Amino acid sequence: MIRVILIATALLLAACSLFGGPASADVEKVAREQMVAGLPPSLEAHAREALITAAARATVASSGPCNAANSPDGAYACTVQVTSTPPGSSAPITQQFVVVLKKEQSGWVSAS
């Protein structure tokens, strides 16, 4: 009985890629793309480059399994924690946000 519980727990905690969802690397890639895509277009070029560099250097970690979103395109919603040091700061900050991905022929892409 304990073995069954352990196996069930392991399956629940396993990456959602086992069930057709995105792998951790896919989630990380799309999270970085969404961070850059979310930058305001009015930013000056040097500020934009600094924030793009900060996004590239950030630590992106999944905060649990991804959930299948109730959408016709088969999207998944994944919560991530991003730790980065903003330009001009010495103290890192951690933020949590949701990355929404969908699978296309080319692989996992942003669904938002």
PDB file of N, CA and C in Angstrom:
ATOM      1  N   MET A   1       0.815  -1.189   0.000  1.00  0.00           N
ATOM      2  CA  MET A   1       0.000   0.000   0.000  1.00  0.00           C
ATOM      3  C   MET A   1       0.863   1.259   0.000  1.00  0.00           C
ATOM      4  N   ILE A   2       1.897   1.249   0.818  1.00  0.00           N
ATOM      5  CA  ILE A   2       2.796   2.409   0.873  1.00  0.00           C
ATOM      6  C   ILE A   2       3.484   2.602  -0.469  1.00  0.00           C
ATOM      7  N   ARG A   3       3.847   1.504  -1.111  1.00  0.00           N
ATOM      8  CA  ARG A   3       4.488   1.592  -2.420  1.00  0.00           C
ATOM      9  C   ARG A   3       3.555   2.261  -3.440  1.00  0.00           C
ATOM     10  N   VAL A   4       2.277   1.920  -3.412  1.00  0.00           N
ATOM     11  CA  VAL A   4       1.301   2.504  -4.325  1.00  0.00           C
ATOM     12  C   VAL A   4       1.187   4.008  -4.081  1.00  0.00           C
ATOM     13  N   ILE A   5       1.155   4.404  -2.818  1.00  0.00           N
ATOM     14  CA  ILE A   5       1.068   5.825  -2.473  1.00  0.00           C
ATOM     15  C   ILE A   5       2.310   6.560  -2.948  1.00  0.00           C
ATOM     16  N   LEU A   6       3.484   5.978  -2.754  1.00  0.00           N
ATOM     17  CA  LEU A   6       4.731   6.601  -3.199  1.00  0.00           C
ATOM     18  C   LEU A   6       4.774   6.754  -4.714  1.00  0.00           C
ATOM     19  N   ILE A   7       4.326   5.736  -5.429  1.00  0.00           N
ATOM     20  CA  ILE A   7       4.315   5.805  -6.894  1.00  0.00           C
ATOM     21  C   ILE A   7       3.321   6.859  -7.354  1.00  0.00           C
ATOM     22  N   ALA A   8       2.152   6.898  -6.756  1.00  0.00           N
ATOM     23  CA  ALA A   8       1.146   7.897  -7.128  1.00  0.00           C
ATOM     24  C   ALA A   8       1.658   9.308  -6.853  1.00  0.00           C
ATOM     25  N   THR A   9       2.318   9.499  -5.717  1.00  0.00           N
ATOM     26  CA  THR A   9       2.883  10.811  -5.384  1.00  0.00           C
ATOM     27  C   THR A   9       3.962  11.195  -6.381  1.00  0.00           C
ATOM     28  N   ALA A  10       4.820  10.274  -6.738  1.00  0.00           N
ATOM     29  CA  ALA A  10       5.883  10.554  -7.706  1.00  0.00           C
ATOM     30  C   ALA A  10       5.301  10.944  -9.056  1.00  0.00           C
ATOM     31  N   LEU A  11       4.255  10.264  -9.471  1.00  0.00           N
ATOM     32  CA  LEU A  11       3.624  10.601 -10.748  1.00  0.00           C
ATOM     33  C   LEU A  11       2.988  11.986 -10.709  1.00  0.00           C
ATOM     34  N   LEU A  12       2.391  12.343  -9.587  1.00  0.00           N
ATOM     35  CA  LEU A  12       1.782  13.660  -9.474  1.00  0.00           C
ATOM     36  C   LEU A  12       2.830  14.766  -9.498  1.00  0.00           C
ATOM     37  N   LEU A  13       4.002  14.491  -8.934  1.00  0.00           N
ATOM     38  CA  LEU A  13       5.056  15.500  -8.869  1.00  0.00           C
ATOM     39  C   LEU A  13       5.955  15.489 -10.101  1.00  0.00           C
ATOM     40  N   ALA A  14       5.797  14.514 -10.962  1.00  0.00           N
ATOM     41  CA  ALA A  14       6.632  14.427 -12.160  1.00  0.00           C
ATOM     42  C   ALA A  14       6.349  15.592 -13.092  1.00  0.00           C
ATOM     43  N   ALA A  15       7.325  15.909 -13.916  1.00  0.00           N
ATOM     44  CA  ALA A  15       7.140  16.993 -14.891  1.00  0.00           C
ATOM     45  C   ALA A  15       5.950  16.691 -15.772  1.00  0.00           C
ATOM     46  N   CYS A  16       5.213  17.745 -16.128  1.00  0.00           N
ATOM     47  CA  CYS A  16       4.008  17.528 -16.920  1.00  0.00           C
ATOM     48  C   CYS A  16       4.339  17.049 -18.324  1.00  0.00           C
ATOM     49  N   SER A  17       5.612  17.071 -18.708  1.00  0.00           N
ATOM     50  CA  SER A  17       5.985  16.583 -20.028  1.00  0.00           C
ATOM     51  C   SER A  17       5.692  15.092 -20.179  1.00  0.00           C
ATOM     52  N   LEU A  18       5.619  14.394 -19.052  1.00  0.00           N
ATOM     53  CA  LEU A  18       5.276  12.970 -19.110  1.00  0.00           C
ATOM     54  C   LEU A  18       3.863  12.758 -19.626  1.00  0.00           C
ATOM     55  N   PHE A  19       3.024  13.771 -19.476  1.00  0.00           N
ATOM     56  CA  PHE A  19       1.622  13.659 -19.862  1.00  0.00           C
ATOM     57  C   PHE A  19       1.303  14.527 -21.073  1.00  0.00           C
ATOM     58  N   GLY A  20       2.307  14.881 -21.867  1.00  0.00           N
ATOM     59  CA  GLY A  20       2.083  15.657 -23.071  1.00  0.00           C
ATOM     60  C   GLY A  20       2.250  17.148 -22.913  1.00  0.00           C
ATOM     61  N   GLY A  21       2.543  17.603 -21.708  1.00  0.00           N
ATOM     62  CA  GLY A  21       2.744  19.036 -21.462  1.00  0.00           C
ATOM     63  C   GLY A  21       4.184  19.438 -21.736  1.00  0.00           C
ATOM     64  N   PRO A  22       4.481  20.716 -21.527  1.00  0.00           N
ATOM     65  CA  PRO A  22       5.829  21.215 -21.801  1.00  0.00           C
ATOM     66  C   PRO A  22       6.852  20.741 -20.775  1.00  0.00           C
ATOM     67  N   ALA A  23       8.085  20.573 -21.222  1.00  0.00           N
ATOM     68  CA  ALA A  23       9.193  20.233 -20.336  1.00  0.00           C
ATOM     69  C   ALA A  23       9.682  21.499 -19.642  1.00  0.00           C
ATOM     70  N   SER A  24      10.447  21.344 -18.590  1.00  0.00           N
ATOM     71  CA  SER A  24      10.980  22.491 -17.840  1.00  0.00           C
ATOM     72  C   SER A  24      11.764  23.444 -18.740  1.00  0.00           C
ATOM     73  N   ALA A  25      12.538  22.900 -19.667  1.00  0.00           N
ATOM     74  CA  ALA A  25      13.320  23.747 -20.585  1.00  0.00           C
ATOM     75  C   ALA A  25      12.413  24.573 -21.480  1.00  0.00           C
ATOM     76  N   ASP A  26      11.291  24.002 -21.897  1.00  0.00           N
ATOM     77  CA  ASP A  26      10.329  24.739 -22.719  1.00  0.00           C
ATOM     78  C   ASP A  26       9.715  25.889 -21.929  1.00  0.00           C
ATOM     79  N   VAL A  27       9.349  25.610 -20.686  1.00  0.00           N
ATOM     80  CA  VAL A  27       8.745  26.624 -19.823  1.00  0.00           C
ATOM     81  C   VAL A  27       9.742  27.759 -19.594  1.00  0.00           C
ATOM     82  N   GLU A  28      10.989  27.420 -19.312  1.00  0.00           N
ATOM     83  CA  GLU A  28      12.022  28.434 -19.082  1.00  0.00           C
ATOM     84  C   GLU A  28      12.225  29.301 -20.325  1.00  0.00           C
ATOM     85  N   LYS A  29      12.299  28.680 -21.481  1.00  0.00           N
ATOM     86  CA  LYS A  29      12.510  29.424 -22.730  1.00  0.00           C
ATOM     87  C   LYS A  29      11.373  30.412 -22.981  1.00  0.00           C
ATOM     88  N   VAL A  30      10.150  29.933 -22.848  1.00  0.00           N
ATOM     89  CA  VAL A  30       8.997  30.793 -23.098  1.00  0.00           C
ATOM     90  C   VAL A  30       8.877  31.876 -22.025  1.00  0.00           C
ATOM     91  N   ALA A  31       9.237  31.563 -20.785  1.00  0.00           N
ATOM     92  CA  ALA A  31       9.204  32.577 -19.726  1.00  0.00           C
ATOM     93  C   ALA A  31      10.149  33.731 -20.070  1.00  0.00           C
ATOM     94  N   ARG A  32      11.351  33.412 -20.529  1.00  0.00           N
ATOM     95  CA  ARG A  32      12.309  34.459 -20.912  1.00  0.00           C
ATOM     96  C   ARG A  32      11.778  35.271 -22.099  1.00  0.00           C
ATOM     97  N   GLU A  33      11.177  34.593 -23.058  1.00  0.00           N
ATOM     98  CA  GLU A  33      10.607  35.295 -24.216  1.00  0.00           C
ATOM     99  C   GLU A  33       9.490  36.232 -23.779  1.00  0.00           C
ATOM    100  N   GLN A  34       8.644  35.780 -22.835  1.00  0.00           N
ATOM    101  CA  GLN A  34       7.550  36.618 -22.367  1.00  0.00           C
ATOM    102  C   GLN A  34       8.060  37.811 -21.559  1.00  0.00           C
ATOM    103  N   MET A  35       9.160  37.626 -20.813  1.00  0.00           N
ATOM    104  CA  MET A  35       9.737  38.753 -20.065  1.00  0.00           C
ATOM    105  C   MET A  35      10.175  39.854 -21.030  1.00  0.00           C
ATOM    106  N   VAL A  36      10.832  39.468 -22.107  1.00  0.00           N
ATOM    107  CA  VAL A  36      11.317  40.444 -23.095  1.00  0.00           C
ATOM    108  C   VAL A  36      10.140  41.048 -23.863  1.00  0.00           C
ATOM    109  N   ALA A  37       9.177  40.228 -24.237  1.00  0.00           N
ATOM    110  CA  ALA A  37       8.015  40.718 -24.992  1.00  0.00           C
ATOM    111  C   ALA A  37       7.181  41.694 -24.166  1.00  0.00           C
ATOM    112  N   GLY A  38       7.247  41.580 -22.848  1.00  0.00           N
ATOM    113  CA  GLY A  38       6.469  42.448 -21.978  1.00  0.00           C
ATOM    114  C   GLY A  38       7.104  43.799 -21.695  1.00  0.00           C
ATOM    115  N   LEU A  39       8.291  44.040 -22.244  1.00  0.00           N
ATOM    116  CA  LEU A  39       8.939  45.339 -22.029  1.00  0.00           C
ATOM    117  C   LEU A  39       8.176  46.430 -22.774  1.00  0.00           C
ATOM    118  N   PRO A  40       8.025  47.582 -22.154  1.00  0.00           N
ATOM    119  CA  PRO A  40       7.319  48.677 -22.830  1.00  0.00           C
ATOM    120  C   PRO A  40       8.061  49.129 -24.084  1.00  0.00           C
ATOM    121  N   PRO A  41       7.350  49.380 -25.168  1.00  0.00           N
ATOM    122  CA  PRO A  41       8.010  49.804 -26.411  1.00  0.00           C
ATOM    123  C   PRO A  41       8.654  51.194 -26.296  1.00  0.00           C
ATOM    124  N   SER A  42       8.277  51.959 -25.293  1.00  0.00           N
ATOM    125  CA  SER A  42       8.809  53.316 -25.146  1.00  0.00           C
ATOM    126  C   SER A  42      10.176  53.355 -24.460  1.00  0.00           C
ATOM    127  N   LEU A  43      10.703  52.204 -24.054  1.00  0.00           N
ATOM    128  CA  LEU A  43      12.010  52.186 -23.383  1.00  0.00           C
ATOM    129  C   LEU A  43      13.117  52.656 -24.323  1.00  0.00           C
ATOM    130  N   GLU A  44      14.075  53.374 -23.757  1.00  0.00           N
ATOM    131  CA  GLU A  44      15.240  53.771 -24.538  1.00  0.00           C
ATOM    132  C   GLU A  44      16.067  52.528 -24.838  1.00  0.00           C
ATOM    133  N   ALA A  45      16.840  52.588 -25.900  1.00  0.00           N
ATOM    134  CA  ALA A  45      17.584  51.417 -26.379  1.00  0.00           C
ATOM    135  C   ALA A  45      18.510  50.846 -25.314  1.00  0.00           C
ATOM    136  N   HIS A  46      19.257  51.695 -24.600  1.00  0.00           N
ATOM    137  CA  HIS A  46      20.198  51.168 -23.603  1.00  0.00           C
ATOM    138  C   HIS A  46      19.469  50.509 -22.434  1.00  0.00           C
ATOM    139  N   ALA A  47      18.307  51.052 -22.037  1.00  0.00           N
ATOM    140  CA  ALA A  47      17.520  50.449 -20.963  1.00  0.00           C
ATOM    141  C   ALA A  47      16.946  49.114 -21.417  1.00  0.00           C
ATOM    142  N   ARG A  48      16.470  49.051 -22.654  1.00  0.00           N
ATOM    143  CA  ARG A  48      15.932  47.807 -23.209  1.00  0.00           C
ATOM    144  C   ARG A  48      17.008  46.720 -23.226  1.00  0.00           C
ATOM    145  N   GLU A  49      18.198  47.070 -23.695  1.00  0.00           N
ATOM    146  CA  GLU A  49      19.289  46.083 -23.751  1.00  0.00           C
ATOM    147  C   GLU A  49      19.665  45.592 -22.358  1.00  0.00           C
ATOM    148  N   ALA A  50      19.681  46.499 -21.371  1.00  0.00           N
ATOM    149  CA  ALA A  50      20.017  46.108 -20.002  1.00  0.00           C
ATOM    150  C   ALA A  50      18.973  45.141 -19.444  1.00  0.00           C
ATOM    151  N   LEU A  51      17.708  45.394 -19.722  1.00  0.00           N
ATOM    152  CA  LEU A  51      16.657  44.511 -19.229  1.00  0.00           C
ATOM    153  C   LEU A  51      16.636  43.175 -19.971  1.00  0.00           C
ATOM    154  N   ILE A  52      16.970  43.184 -21.242  1.00  0.00           N
ATOM    155  CA  ILE A  52      17.070  41.928 -21.997  1.00  0.00           C
ATOM    156  C   ILE A  52      18.212  41.086 -21.428  1.00  0.00           C
ATOM    157  N   THR A  53      19.323  41.733 -21.102  1.00  0.00           N
ATOM    158  CA  THR A  53      20.457  41.018 -20.491  1.00  0.00           C
ATOM    159  C   THR A  53      20.066  40.460 -19.129  1.00  0.00           C
ATOM    160  N   ALA A  54      19.350  41.256 -18.331  1.00  0.00           N
ATOM    161  CA  ALA A  54      18.903  40.785 -17.018  1.00  0.00           C
ATOM    162  C   ALA A  54      17.973  39.575 -17.160  1.00  0.00           C
ATOM    163  N   ALA A  55      17.101  39.601 -18.151  1.00  0.00           N
ATOM    164  CA  ALA A  55      16.198  38.462 -18.385  1.00  0.00           C
ATOM    165  C   ALA A  55      16.985  37.217 -18.789  1.00  0.00           C
ATOM    166  N   ALA A  56      18.023  37.397 -19.606  1.00  0.00           N
ATOM    167  CA  ALA A  56      18.843  36.265 -20.043  1.00  0.00           C
ATOM    168  C   ALA A  56      19.618  35.651 -18.878  1.00  0.00           C
ATOM    169  N   ARG A  57      20.000  36.478 -17.912  1.00  0.00           N
ATOM    170  CA  ARG A  57      20.789  36.005 -16.763  1.00  0.00           C
ATOM    171  C   ARG A  57      19.922  35.542 -15.601  1.00  0.00           C
ATOM    172  N   ALA A  58      18.641  35.778 -15.654  1.00  0.00           N
ATOM    173  CA  ALA A  58      17.736  35.451 -14.549  1.00  0.00           C
ATOM    174  C   ALA A  58      17.670  33.942 -14.325  1.00  0.00           C
ATOM    175  N   THR A  59      17.368  33.592 -13.103  1.00  0.00           N
ATOM    176  CA  THR A  59      17.123  32.198 -12.757  1.00  0.00           C
ATOM    177  C   THR A  59      15.620  31.967 -12.843  1.00  0.00           C
ATOM    178  N   VAL A  60      15.217  31.002 -13.646  1.00  0.00           N
ATOM    179  CA  VAL A  60      13.800  30.688 -13.834  1.00  0.00           C
ATOM    180  C   VAL A  60      13.568  29.280 -13.295  1.00  0.00           C
ATOM    181  N   ALA A  61      12.675  29.167 -12.304  1.00  0.00           N
ATOM    182  CA  ALA A  61      12.392  27.868 -11.697  1.00  0.00           C
ATOM    183  C   ALA A  61      10.890  27.629 -11.672  1.00  0.00           C
ATOM    184  N   SER A  62      10.486  26.430 -12.033  1.00  0.00           N
ATOM    185  CA  SER A  62       9.071  26.067 -11.974  1.00  0.00           C
ATOM    186  C   SER A  62       8.611  26.038 -10.524  1.00  0.00           C
ATOM    187  N   SER A  63       7.375  26.461 -10.298  1.00  0.00           N
ATOM    188  CA  SER A  63       6.807  26.471  -8.947  1.00  0.00           C
ATOM    189  C   SER A  63       5.757  25.382  -8.790  1.00  0.00           C
ATOM    190  N   GLY A  64       5.927  24.303  -9.486  1.00  0.00           N
ATOM    191  CA  GLY A  64       4.964  23.209  -9.424  1.00  0.00           C
ATOM    192  C   GLY A  64       4.645  22.718 -10.811  1.00  0.00           C
ATOM    193  N   PRO A  65       3.763  21.741 -10.892  1.00  0.00           N
ATOM    194  CA  PRO A  65       3.423  21.193 -12.210  1.00  0.00           C
ATOM    195  C   PRO A  65       2.584  22.174 -13.026  1.00  0.00           C
ATOM    196  N   CYS A  66       2.665  22.033 -14.326  1.00  0.00           N
ATOM    197  CA  CYS A  66       1.849  22.839 -15.229  1.00  0.00           C
ATOM    198  C   CYS A  66       0.432  22.280 -15.237  1.00  0.00           C
ATOM    199  N   ASN A  67      -0.516  23.136 -15.514  1.00  0.00           N
ATOM    200  CA  ASN A  67      -1.916  22.714 -15.577  1.00  0.00           C
ATOM    201  C   ASN A  67      -2.444  22.940 -16.982  1.00  0.00           C
ATOM    202  N   ALA A  68      -3.181  21.985 -17.477  1.00  0.00           N
ATOM    203  CA  ALA A  68      -3.806  22.151 -18.784  1.00  0.00           C
ATOM    204  C   ALA A  68      -4.841  23.258 -18.665  1.00  0.00           C
ATOM    205  N   ALA A  69      -4.688  24.283 -19.489  1.00  0.00           N
ATOM    206  CA  ALA A  69      -5.643  25.388 -19.490  1.00  0.00           C
ATOM    207  C   ALA A  69      -6.889  24.942 -20.234  1.00  0.00           C
ATOM    208  N   ASN A  70      -7.998  25.470 -19.868  1.00  0.00           N
ATOM    209  CA  ASN A  70      -9.246  25.113 -20.527  1.00  0.00           C
ATOM    210  C   ASN A  70      -9.384  25.977 -21.784  1.00  0.00           C
ATOM    211  N   SER A  71      -8.624  25.609 -22.817  1.00  0.00           N
ATOM    212  CA  SER A  71      -8.638  26.401 -24.046  1.00  0.00           C
ATOM    213  C   SER A  71      -8.646  25.473 -25.254  1.00  0.00           C
ATOM    214  N   PRO A  72      -9.172  25.950 -26.366  1.00  0.00           N
ATOM    215  CA  PRO A  72      -9.256  25.100 -27.557  1.00  0.00           C
ATOM    216  C   PRO A  72      -7.895  24.771 -28.174  1.00  0.00           C
ATOM    217  N   ASP A  73      -6.860  25.578 -27.876  1.00  0.00           N
ATOM    218  CA  ASP A  73      -5.544  25.318 -28.475  1.00  0.00           C
ATOM    219  C   ASP A  73      -4.667  24.391 -27.631  1.00  0.00           C
ATOM    220  N   GLY A  74      -5.212  23.827 -26.548  1.00  0.00           N
ATOM    221  CA  GLY A  74      -4.463  22.881 -25.733  1.00  0.00           C
ATOM    222  C   GLY A  74      -3.338  23.522 -24.944  1.00  0.00           C
ATOM    223  N   ALA A  75      -3.512  24.752 -24.519  1.00  0.00           N
ATOM    224  CA  ALA A  75      -2.469  25.483 -23.793  1.00  0.00           C
ATOM    225  C   ALA A  75      -2.282  24.931 -22.384  1.00  0.00           C
ATOM    226  N   TYR A  76      -1.106  25.161 -21.843  1.00  0.00           N
ATOM    227  CA  TYR A  76      -0.777  24.814 -20.468  1.00  0.00           C
ATOM    228  C   TYR A  76      -0.364  26.085 -19.744  1.00  0.00           C
ATOM    229  N   ALA A  77      -0.757  26.202 -18.482  1.00  0.00           N
ATOM    230  CA  ALA A  77      -0.359  27.320 -17.635  1.00  0.00           C
ATOM    231  C   ALA A  77       0.626  26.793 -16.597  1.00  0.00           C
ATOM    232  N   CYS A  78       1.784  27.451 -16.510  1.00  0.00           N
ATOM    233  CA  CYS A  78       2.841  27.022 -15.602  1.00  0.00           C
ATOM    234  C   CYS A  78       3.274  28.206 -14.741  1.00  0.00           C
ATOM    235  N   THR A  79       3.336  28.000 -13.439  1.00  0.00           N
ATOM    236  CA  THR A  79       3.795  29.050 -12.538  1.00  0.00           C
ATOM    237  C   THR A  79       5.307  28.927 -12.387  1.00  0.00           C
ATOM    238  N   VAL A  80       6.002  30.060 -12.520  1.00  0.00           N
ATOM    239  CA  VAL A  80       7.456  30.082 -12.382  1.00  0.00           C
ATOM    240  C   VAL A  80       7.862  31.171 -11.404  1.00  0.00           C
ATOM    241  N   GLN A  81       9.033  30.985 -10.803  1.00  0.00           N
ATOM    242  CA  GLN A  81       9.657  32.020  -9.994  1.00  0.00           C
ATOM    243  C   GLN A  81      10.890  32.487 -10.746  1.00  0.00           C
ATOM    244  N   VAL A  82      10.993  33.801 -10.904  1.00  0.00           N
ATOM    245  CA  VAL A  82      12.123  34.386 -11.616  1.00  0.00           C
ATOM    246  C   VAL A  82      12.916  35.235 -10.630  1.00  0.00           C
ATOM    247  N   THR A  83      14.194  34.940 -10.518  1.00  0.00           N
ATOM    248  CA  THR A  83      15.083  35.729  -9.668  1.00  0.00           C
ATOM    249  C   THR A  83      16.078  36.420 -10.573  1.00  0.00           C
ATOM    250  N   SER A  84      16.121  37.755 -10.476  1.00  0.00           N
ATOM    251  CA  SER A  84      17.032  38.526 -11.320  1.00  0.00           C
ATOM    252  C   SER A  84      17.502  39.753 -10.556  1.00  0.00           C
ATOM    253  N   THR A  85      18.589  40.314 -11.045  1.00  0.00           N
ATOM    254  CA  THR A  85      19.116  41.555 -10.483  1.00  0.00           C
ATOM    255  C   THR A  85      18.867  42.647 -11.508  1.00  0.00           C
ATOM    256  N   PRO A  86      17.985  43.592 -11.181  1.00  0.00           N
ATOM    257  CA  PRO A  86      17.682  44.659 -12.134  1.00  0.00           C
ATOM    258  C   PRO A  86      18.908  45.531 -12.396  1.00  0.00           C
ATOM    259  N   PRO A  87      18.964  46.149 -13.566  1.00  0.00           N
ATOM    260  CA  PRO A  87      20.077  47.048 -13.864  1.00  0.00           C
ATOM    261  C   PRO A  87      20.172  48.160 -12.811  1.00  0.00           C
ATOM    262  N   GLY A  88      21.384  48.412 -12.353  1.00  0.00           N
ATOM    263  CA  GLY A  88      21.612  49.458 -11.366  1.00  0.00           C
ATOM    264  C   GLY A  88      21.373  49.030  -9.933  1.00  0.00           C
ATOM    265  N   SER A  89      21.060  47.766  -9.715  1.00  0.00           N
ATOM    266  CA  SER A  89      20.791  47.258  -8.368  1.00  0.00           C
ATOM    267  C   SER A  89      21.776  46.152  -8.046  1.00  0.00           C
ATOM    268  N   SER A  90      22.067  45.995  -6.753  1.00  0.00           N
ATOM    269  CA  SER A  90      22.938  44.892  -6.353  1.00  0.00           C
ATOM    270  C   SER A  90      22.146  43.776  -5.688  1.00  0.00           C
ATOM    271  N   ALA A  91      20.899  44.060  -5.363  1.00  0.00           N
ATOM    272  CA  ALA A  91      20.068  43.068  -4.685  1.00  0.00           C
ATOM    273  C   ALA A  91      19.137  42.366  -5.674  1.00  0.00           C
ATOM    274  N   PRO A  92      19.196  41.042  -5.708  1.00  0.00           N
ATOM    275  CA  PRO A  92      18.282  40.314  -6.594  1.00  0.00           C
ATOM    276  C   PRO A  92      16.855  40.372  -6.063  1.00  0.00           C
ATOM    277  N   ILE A  93      15.904  40.303  -6.971  1.00  0.00           N
ATOM    278  CA  ILE A  93      14.495  40.229  -6.591  1.00  0.00           C
ATOM    279  C   ILE A  93      13.895  38.963  -7.193  1.00  0.00           C
ATOM    280  N   THR A  94      12.905  38.444  -6.508  1.00  0.00           N
ATOM    281  CA  THR A  94      12.207  37.244  -6.984  1.00  0.00           C
ATOM    282  C   THR A  94      10.745  37.593  -7.222  1.00  0.00           C
ATOM    283  N   GLN A  95      10.271  37.210  -8.396  1.00  0.00           N
ATOM    284  CA  GLN A  95       8.877  37.439  -8.760  1.00  0.00           C
ATOM    285  C   GLN A  95       8.286  36.130  -9.248  1.00  0.00           C
ATOM    286  N   GLN A  96       7.025  35.978  -9.024  1.00  0.00           N
ATOM    287  CA  GLN A  96       6.331  34.789  -9.489  1.00  0.00           C
ATOM    288  C   GLN A  96       5.320  35.215 -10.548  1.00  0.00           C
ATOM    289  N   PHE A  97       5.269  34.462 -11.654  1.00  0.00           N
ATOM    290  CA  PHE A  97       4.252  34.731 -12.664  1.00  0.00           C
ATOM    291  C   PHE A  97       3.892  33.460 -13.410  1.00  0.00           C
ATOM    292  N   VAL A  98       2.831  33.571 -14.186  1.00  0.00           N
ATOM    293  CA  VAL A  98       2.304  32.415 -14.919  1.00  0.00           C
ATOM    294  C   VAL A  98       2.707  32.519 -16.379  1.00  0.00           C
ATOM    295  N   VAL A  99       3.247  31.431 -16.894  1.00  0.00           N
ATOM    296  CA  VAL A  99       3.623  31.326 -18.302  1.00  0.00           C
ATOM    297  C   VAL A  99       2.580  30.441 -18.967  1.00  0.00           C
ATOM    298  N   VAL A 100       1.999  30.918 -20.068  1.00  0.00           N
ATOM    299  CA  VAL A 100       1.005  30.129 -20.789  1.00  0.00           C
ATOM    300  C   VAL A 100       1.620  29.726 -22.125  1.00  0.00           C
ATOM    301  N   LEU A 101       1.672  28.412 -22.362  1.00  0.00           N
ATOM    302  CA  LEU A 101       2.309  27.862 -23.562  1.00  0.00           C
ATOM    303  C   LEU A 101       1.322  27.023 -24.356  1.00  0.00           C
ATOM    304  N   LYS A 102       1.598  26.919 -25.638  1.00  0.00           N
ATOM    305  CA  LYS A 102       0.843  25.993 -26.478  1.00  0.00           C
ATOM    306  C   LYS A 102       1.826  25.310 -27.415  1.00  0.00           C
ATOM    307  N   LYS A 103       1.458  24.128 -27.841  1.00  0.00           N
ATOM    308  CA  LYS A 103       2.339  23.343 -28.711  1.00  0.00           C
ATOM    309  C   LYS A 103       1.994  23.609 -30.163  1.00  0.00           C
ATOM    310  N   GLU A 104       3.000  23.956 -30.930  1.00  0.00           N
ATOM    311  CA  GLU A 104       2.856  24.114 -32.374  1.00  0.00           C
ATOM    312  C   GLU A 104       3.832  23.158 -33.041  1.00  0.00           C
ATOM    313  N   GLN A 105       3.818  23.138 -34.347  1.00  0.00           N
ATOM    314  CA  GLN A 105       4.702  22.233 -35.078  1.00  0.00           C
ATOM    315  C   GLN A 105       6.170  22.500 -34.754  1.00  0.00           C
ATOM    316  N   SER A 106       6.511  23.770 -34.513  1.00  0.00           N
ATOM    317  CA  SER A 106       7.901  24.144 -34.227  1.00  0.00           C
ATOM    318  C   SER A 106       8.287  23.876 -32.777  1.00  0.00           C
ATOM    319  N   GLY A 107       7.327  23.512 -31.943  1.00  0.00           N
ATOM    320  CA  GLY A 107       7.592  23.258 -30.510  1.00  0.00           C
ATOM    321  C   GLY A 107       6.685  24.122 -29.643  1.00  0.00           C
ATOM    322  N   TRP A 108       7.047  24.272 -28.385  1.00  0.00           N
ATOM    323  CA  TRP A 108       6.258  25.032 -27.425  1.00  0.00           C
ATOM    324  C   TRP A 108       6.518  26.520 -27.608  1.00  0.00           C
ATOM    325  N   VAL A 109       5.444  27.298 -27.689  1.00  0.00           N
ATOM    326  CA  VAL A 109       5.527  28.746 -27.879  1.00  0.00           C
ATOM    327  C   VAL A 109       4.563  29.430 -26.907  1.00  0.00           C
ATOM    328  N   SER A 110       4.720  30.729 -26.785  1.00  0.00           N
ATOM    329  CA  SER A 110       3.843  31.515 -25.918  1.00  0.00           C
ATOM    330  C   SER A 110       2.417  31.485 -26.467  1.00  0.00           C
ATOM    331  N   ALA A 111       1.457  31.294 -25.576  1.00  0.00           N
ATOM    332  CA  ALA A 111       0.054  31.285 -25.981  1.00  0.00           C
ATOM    333  C   ALA A 111      -0.603  32.623 -25.685  1.00  0.00           C
ATOM    334  N   SER A 112       0.163  33.547 -25.120  1.00  0.00           N
ATOM    335  CA  SER A 112      -0.448  34.842 -24.791  1.00  0.00           C
ATOM    336  C   SER A 112       0.078  35.941 -25.680  1.00  0.00           C
TER     337      SER A 112
END
